[in-house]
Amino acid sequence: MIKIFTVRGYLVDELIHDTGIEDGSESWDMLSKDGMEIAYGVYIYHVEAPGLGEKVGKFAVIK
């Protein structure tokens, strides 16, 4: 499970990674969970991998 948040903590979207561990990438259409196009700026991601752990980080969207 990958959760994407604004820097203020608003949940933007949740992505389900349903392929094997050998594929360490995930595509995102850059739409919010409400179907709205996201704004440019900094976002926080939270990756939860059962049996492997968690990772939190930041990324920027530049349009």
PDB file of N, CA and C in Angstrom:
ATOM      1  N   MET A   1       0.854  -1.174   0.000  1.00  0.00           N
ATOM      2  CA  MET A   1       0.000   0.000   0.000  1.00  0.00           C
ATOM      3  C   MET A   1       0.897   1.233   0.000  1.00  0.00           C
ATOM      4  N   ILE A   2       0.561   2.170  -0.864  1.00  0.00           N
ATOM      5  CA  ILE A   2       1.274   3.438  -0.931  1.00  0.00           C
ATOM      6  C   ILE A   2       0.251   4.535  -0.692  1.00  0.00           C
ATOM      7  N   LYS A   3       0.490   5.362   0.312  1.00  0.00           N
ATOM      8  CA  LYS A   3      -0.384   6.494   0.600  1.00  0.00           C
ATOM      9  C   LYS A   3       0.373   7.774   0.271  1.00  0.00           C
ATOM     10  N   ILE A   4      -0.324   8.716  -0.345  1.00  0.00           N
ATOM     11  CA  ILE A   4       0.271   9.991  -0.716  1.00  0.00           C
ATOM     12  C   ILE A   4      -0.487  11.087   0.018  1.00  0.00           C
ATOM     13  N   PHE A   5       0.272  11.965   0.684  1.00  0.00           N
ATOM     14  CA  PHE A   5      -0.295  13.037   1.490  1.00  0.00           C
ATOM     15  C   PHE A   5       0.257  14.387   1.051  1.00  0.00           C
ATOM     16  N   THR A   6      -0.512  15.455   1.314  1.00  0.00           N
ATOM     17  CA  THR A   6       0.044  16.798   1.181  1.00  0.00           C
ATOM     18  C   THR A   6       0.957  17.026   2.382  1.00  0.00           C
ATOM     19  N   VAL A   7       1.747  18.090   2.359  1.00  0.00           N
ATOM     20  CA  VAL A   7       2.618  18.378   3.499  1.00  0.00           C
ATOM     21  C   VAL A   7       1.809  18.774   4.736  1.00  0.00           C
ATOM     22  N   ARG A   8       0.547  19.107   4.557  1.00  0.00           N
ATOM     23  CA  ARG A   8      -0.340  19.417   5.693  1.00  0.00           C
ATOM     24  C   ARG A   8      -1.025  18.176   6.256  1.00  0.00           C
ATOM     25  N   GLY A   9      -0.795  17.017   5.626  1.00  0.00           N
ATOM     26  CA  GLY A   9      -1.335  15.768   6.147  1.00  0.00           C
ATOM     27  C   GLY A   9      -2.619  15.281   5.506  1.00  0.00           C
ATOM     28  N   TYR A  10      -3.112  15.973   4.487  1.00  0.00           N
ATOM     29  CA  TYR A  10      -4.330  15.542   3.793  1.00  0.00           C
ATOM     30  C   TYR A  10      -4.019  14.342   2.902  1.00  0.00           C
ATOM     31  N   LEU A  11      -4.809  13.282   3.019  1.00  0.00           N
ATOM     32  CA  LEU A  11      -4.620  12.094   2.186  1.00  0.00           C
ATOM     33  C   LEU A  11      -5.053  12.407   0.760  1.00  0.00           C
ATOM     34  N   VAL A  12      -4.113  12.345  -0.169  1.00  0.00           N
ATOM     35  CA  VAL A  12      -4.379  12.649  -1.572  1.00  0.00           C
ATOM     36  C   VAL A  12      -4.857  11.401  -2.309  1.00  0.00           C
ATOM     37  N   ASP A  13      -4.155  10.284  -2.121  1.00  0.00           N
ATOM     38  CA  ASP A  13      -4.509   9.060  -2.841  1.00  0.00           C
ATOM     39  C   ASP A  13      -3.887   7.856  -2.154  1.00  0.00           C
ATOM     40  N   GLU A  14      -4.431   6.686  -2.437  1.00  0.00           N
ATOM     41  CA  GLU A  14      -3.895   5.405  -1.982  1.00  0.00           C
ATOM     42  C   GLU A  14      -3.708   4.522  -3.203  1.00  0.00           C
ATOM     43  N   LEU A  15      -2.546   3.919  -3.299  1.00  0.00           N
ATOM     44  CA  LEU A  15      -2.240   3.034  -4.417  1.00  0.00           C
ATOM     45  C   LEU A  15      -2.001   1.635  -3.876  1.00  0.00           C
ATOM     46  N   ILE A  16      -2.532   0.656  -4.556  1.00  0.00           N
ATOM     47  CA  ILE A  16      -2.318  -0.742  -4.188  1.00  0.00           C
ATOM     48  C   ILE A  16      -1.269  -1.313  -5.131  1.00  0.00           C
ATOM     49  N   HIS A  17      -0.164  -1.763  -4.570  1.00  0.00           N
ATOM     50  CA  HIS A  17       0.894  -2.389  -5.374  1.00  0.00           C
ATOM     51  C   HIS A  17       0.645  -3.889  -5.339  1.00  0.00           C
ATOM     52  N   ASP A  18       0.171  -4.434  -6.450  1.00  0.00           N
ATOM     53  CA  ASP A  18      -0.221  -5.844  -6.462  1.00  0.00           C
ATOM     54  C   ASP A  18       0.669  -6.726  -7.333  1.00  0.00           C
ATOM     55  N   THR A  19       1.878  -6.252  -7.623  1.00  0.00           N
ATOM     56  CA  THR A  19       2.835  -7.096  -8.338  1.00  0.00           C
ATOM     57  C   THR A  19       3.917  -7.539  -7.367  1.00  0.00           C
ATOM     58  N   GLY A  20       4.774  -8.411  -7.796  1.00  0.00           N
ATOM     59  CA  GLY A  20       5.808  -8.965  -6.937  1.00  0.00           C
ATOM     60  C   GLY A  20       6.833  -7.952  -6.467  1.00  0.00           C
ATOM     61  N   ILE A  21       7.610  -8.362  -5.492  1.00  0.00           N
ATOM     62  CA  ILE A  21       8.624  -7.499  -4.904  1.00  0.00           C
ATOM     63  C   ILE A  21       9.729  -7.131  -5.896  1.00  0.00           C
ATOM     64  N   GLU A  22       9.939  -7.971  -6.902  1.00  0.00           N
ATOM     65  CA  GLU A  22      10.998  -7.700  -7.874  1.00  0.00           C
ATOM     66  C   GLU A  22      10.686  -6.475  -8.734  1.00  0.00           C
ATOM     67  N   ASP A  23       9.414  -6.082  -8.790  1.00  0.00           N
ATOM     68  CA  ASP A  23       9.017  -4.880  -9.528  1.00  0.00           C
ATOM     69  C   ASP A  23       8.859  -3.746  -8.524  1.00  0.00           C
ATOM     70  N   GLY A  24       9.883  -2.946  -8.363  1.00  0.00           N
ATOM     71  CA  GLY A  24       9.882  -1.891  -7.350  1.00  0.00           C
ATOM     72  C   GLY A  24       9.336  -0.566  -7.830  1.00  0.00           C
ATOM     73  N   SER A  25       8.426  -0.588  -8.791  1.00  0.00           N
ATOM     74  CA  SER A  25       7.861   0.673  -9.278  1.00  0.00           C
ATOM     75  C   SER A  25       6.337   0.603  -9.263  1.00  0.00           C
ATOM     76  N   GLU A  26       5.722   1.772  -9.268  1.00  0.00           N
ATOM     77  CA  GLU A  26       4.265   1.857  -9.304  1.00  0.00           C
ATOM     78  C   GLU A  26       3.881   3.087 -10.110  1.00  0.00           C
ATOM     79  N   SER A  27       2.917   2.949 -10.987  1.00  0.00           N
ATOM     80  CA  SER A  27       2.424   4.076 -11.782  1.00  0.00           C
ATOM     81  C   SER A  27       1.313   4.789 -11.031  1.00  0.00           C
ATOM     82  N   TRP A  28       1.222   6.107 -11.251  1.00  0.00           N
ATOM     83  CA  TRP A  28       0.171   6.914 -10.640  1.00  0.00           C
ATOM     84  C   TRP A  28      -0.302   7.927 -11.669  1.00  0.00           C
ATOM     85  N   ASP A  29      -1.577   8.078 -11.816  1.00  0.00           N
ATOM     86  CA  ASP A  29      -2.136   8.999 -12.811  1.00  0.00           C
ATOM     87  C   ASP A  29      -2.116  10.464 -12.366  1.00  0.00           C
ATOM     88  N   MET A  30      -1.601  10.736 -11.186  1.00  0.00           N
ATOM     89  CA  MET A  30      -1.488  12.077 -10.602  1.00  0.00           C
ATOM     90  C   MET A  30      -2.849  12.738 -10.406  1.00  0.00           C
ATOM     91  N   LEU A  31      -3.843  11.895 -10.128  1.00  0.00           N
ATOM     92  CA  LEU A  31      -5.165  12.376  -9.756  1.00  0.00           C
ATOM     93  C   LEU A  31      -5.395  12.040  -8.287  1.00  0.00           C
ATOM     94  N   SER A  32      -6.141  12.884  -7.601  1.00  0.00           N
ATOM     95  CA  SER A  32      -6.467  12.614  -6.206  1.00  0.00           C
ATOM     96  C   SER A  32      -7.485  11.479  -6.126  1.00  0.00           C
ATOM     97  N   LYS A  33      -7.739  11.024  -4.920  1.00  0.00           N
ATOM     98  CA  LYS A  33      -8.734   9.962  -4.732  1.00  0.00           C
ATOM     99  C   LYS A  33     -10.126  10.421  -5.156  1.00  0.00           C
ATOM    100  N   ASP A  34     -10.319  11.739  -5.275  1.00  0.00           N
ATOM    101  CA  ASP A  34     -11.589  12.305  -5.724  1.00  0.00           C
ATOM    102  C   ASP A  34     -11.630  12.532  -7.232  1.00  0.00           C
ATOM    103  N   GLY A  35     -10.553  12.140  -7.940  1.00  0.00           N
ATOM    104  CA  GLY A  35     -10.505  12.295  -9.386  1.00  0.00           C
ATOM    105  C   GLY A  35     -10.055  13.659  -9.872  1.00  0.00           C
ATOM    106  N   MET A  36      -9.550  14.486  -8.959  1.00  0.00           N
ATOM    107  CA  MET A  36      -9.092  15.831  -9.311  1.00  0.00           C
ATOM    108  C   MET A  36      -7.595  15.805  -9.634  1.00  0.00           C
ATOM    109  N   GLU A  37      -7.173  16.625 -10.596  1.00  0.00           N
ATOM    110  CA  GLU A  37      -5.759  16.747 -10.924  1.00  0.00           C
ATOM    111  C   GLU A  37      -5.039  17.402  -9.748  1.00  0.00           C
ATOM    112  N   ILE A  38      -3.899  16.836  -9.352  1.00  0.00           N
ATOM    113  CA  ILE A  38      -3.180  17.381  -8.202  1.00  0.00           C
ATOM    114  C   ILE A  38      -2.436  18.658  -8.588  1.00  0.00           C
ATOM    115  N   ALA A  39      -2.153  19.478  -7.593  1.00  0.00           N
ATOM    116  CA  ALA A  39      -1.404  20.721  -7.788  1.00  0.00           C
ATOM    117  C   ALA A  39       0.093  20.426  -7.726  1.00  0.00           C
ATOM    118  N   TYR A  40       0.887  21.327  -8.272  1.00  0.00           N
ATOM    119  CA  TYR A  40       2.328  21.166  -8.136  1.00  0.00           C
ATOM    120  C   TYR A  40       2.706  21.465  -6.687  1.00  0.00           C
ATOM    121  N   GLY A  41       3.827  20.915  -6.251  1.00  0.00           N
ATOM    122  CA  GLY A  41       4.279  21.129  -4.883  1.00  0.00           C
ATOM    123  C   GLY A  41       4.931  19.880  -4.324  1.00  0.00           C
ATOM    124  N   VAL A  42       5.119  19.881  -3.018  1.00  0.00           N
ATOM    125  CA  VAL A  42       5.783  18.780  -2.315  1.00  0.00           C
ATOM    126  C   VAL A  42       4.722  17.880  -1.687  1.00  0.00           C
ATOM    127  N   TYR A  43       4.950  16.587  -1.808  1.00  0.00           N
ATOM    128  CA  TYR A  43       4.044  15.582  -1.260  1.00  0.00           C
ATOM    129  C   TYR A  43       4.848  14.598  -0.416  1.00  0.00           C
ATOM    130  N   ILE A  44       4.161  13.940   0.490  1.00  0.00           N
ATOM    131  CA  ILE A  44       4.751  12.910   1.352  1.00  0.00           C
ATOM    132  C   ILE A  44       4.193  11.559   0.909  1.00  0.00           C
ATOM    133  N   TYR A  45       5.070  10.560   0.818  1.00  0.00           N
ATOM    134  CA  TYR A  45       4.586   9.205   0.530  1.00  0.00           C
ATOM    135  C   TYR A  45       4.873   8.300   1.716  1.00  0.00           C
ATOM    136  N   HIS A  46       4.007   7.331   1.908  1.00  0.00           N
ATOM    137  CA  HIS A  46       4.169   6.317   2.949  1.00  0.00           C
ATOM    138  C   HIS A  46       3.942   4.962   2.294  1.00  0.00           C
ATOM    139  N   VAL A  47       4.995   4.164   2.232  1.00  0.00           N
ATOM    140  CA  VAL A  47       4.920   2.831   1.638  1.00  0.00           C
ATOM    141  C   VAL A  47       4.898   1.818   2.770  1.00  0.00           C
ATOM    142  N   GLU A  48       3.914   0.941   2.736  1.00  0.00           N
ATOM    143  CA  GLU A  48       3.803  -0.125   3.723  1.00  0.00           C
ATOM    144  C   GLU A  48       3.887  -1.454   2.990  1.00  0.00           C
ATOM    145  N   ALA A  49       4.953  -2.207   3.261  1.00  0.00           N
ATOM    146  CA  ALA A  49       5.173  -3.493   2.606  1.00  0.00           C
ATOM    147  C   ALA A  49       5.116  -4.595   3.666  1.00  0.00           C
ATOM    148  N   PRO A  50       4.027  -5.350   3.711  1.00  0.00           N
ATOM    149  CA  PRO A  50       3.899  -6.405   4.712  1.00  0.00           C
ATOM    150  C   PRO A  50       5.097  -7.359   4.691  1.00  0.00           C
ATOM    151  N   GLY A  51       5.642  -7.593   5.858  1.00  0.00           N
ATOM    152  CA  GLY A  51       6.786  -8.481   5.979  1.00  0.00           C
ATOM    153  C   GLY A  51       8.118  -7.825   5.678  1.00  0.00           C
ATOM    154  N   LEU A  52       8.102  -6.608   5.135  1.00  0.00           N
ATOM    155  CA  LEU A  52       9.345  -5.910   4.787  1.00  0.00           C
ATOM    156  C   LEU A  52       9.539  -4.618   5.562  1.00  0.00           C
ATOM    157  N   GLY A  53       8.463  -3.944   5.918  1.00  0.00           N
ATOM    158  CA  GLY A  53       8.574  -2.710   6.676  1.00  0.00           C
ATOM    159  C   GLY A  53       7.869  -1.542   6.016  1.00  0.00           C
ATOM    160  N   GLU A  54       8.250  -0.344   6.466  1.00  0.00           N
ATOM    161  CA  GLU A  54       7.632   0.881   5.986  1.00  0.00           C
ATOM    162  C   GLU A  54       8.701   1.881   5.571  1.00  0.00           C
ATOM    163  N   LYS A  55       8.317   2.796   4.696  1.00  0.00           N
ATOM    164  CA  LYS A  55       9.221   3.856   4.244  1.00  0.00           C
ATOM    165  C   LYS A  55       8.396   5.120   4.053  1.00  0.00           C
ATOM    166  N   VAL A  56       8.897   6.228   4.572  1.00  0.00           N
ATOM    167  CA  VAL A  56       8.259   7.527   4.401  1.00  0.00           C
ATOM    168  C   VAL A  56       9.264   8.447   3.737  1.00  0.00           C
ATOM    169  N   GLY A  57       8.805   9.228   2.768  1.00  0.00           N
ATOM    170  CA  GLY A  57       9.692  10.154   2.083  1.00  0.00           C
ATOM    171  C   GLY A  57       8.905  11.275   1.429  1.00  0.00           C
ATOM    172  N   LYS A  58       9.632  12.138   0.715  1.00  0.00           N
ATOM    173  CA  LYS A  58       9.022  13.286   0.039  1.00  0.00           C
ATOM    174  C   LYS A  58       9.325  13.226  -1.445  1.00  0.00           C
ATOM    175  N   PHE A  59       8.445  13.827  -2.234  1.00  0.00           N
ATOM    176  CA  PHE A  59       8.719  14.027  -3.653  1.00  0.00           C
ATOM    177  C   PHE A  59       8.041  15.315  -4.094  1.00  0.00           C
ATOM    178  N   ALA A  60       8.526  15.877  -5.189  1.00  0.00           N
ATOM    179  CA  ALA A  60       7.973  17.126  -5.712  1.00  0.00           C
ATOM    180  C   ALA A  60       7.311  16.882  -7.057  1.00  0.00           C
ATOM    181  N   VAL A  61       6.228  17.596  -7.292  1.00  0.00           N
ATOM    182  CA  VAL A  61       5.543  17.574  -8.584  1.00  0.00           C
ATOM    183  C   VAL A  61       5.782  18.932  -9.226  1.00  0.00           C
ATOM    184  N   ILE A  62       6.396  18.908 -10.397  1.00  0.00           N
ATOM    185  CA  ILE A  62       6.693  20.127 -11.141  1.00  0.00           C
ATOM    186  C   ILE A  62       5.975  20.030 -12.468  1.00  0.00           C
ATOM    187  N   LYS A  63       5.148  20.987 -12.776  1.00  0.00           N
ATOM    188  CA  LYS A  63       4.378  20.951 -14.019  1.00  0.00           C
ATOM    189  C   LYS A  63       4.942  21.923 -15.020  1.00  0.00           C
TER     190      LYS A  63
END
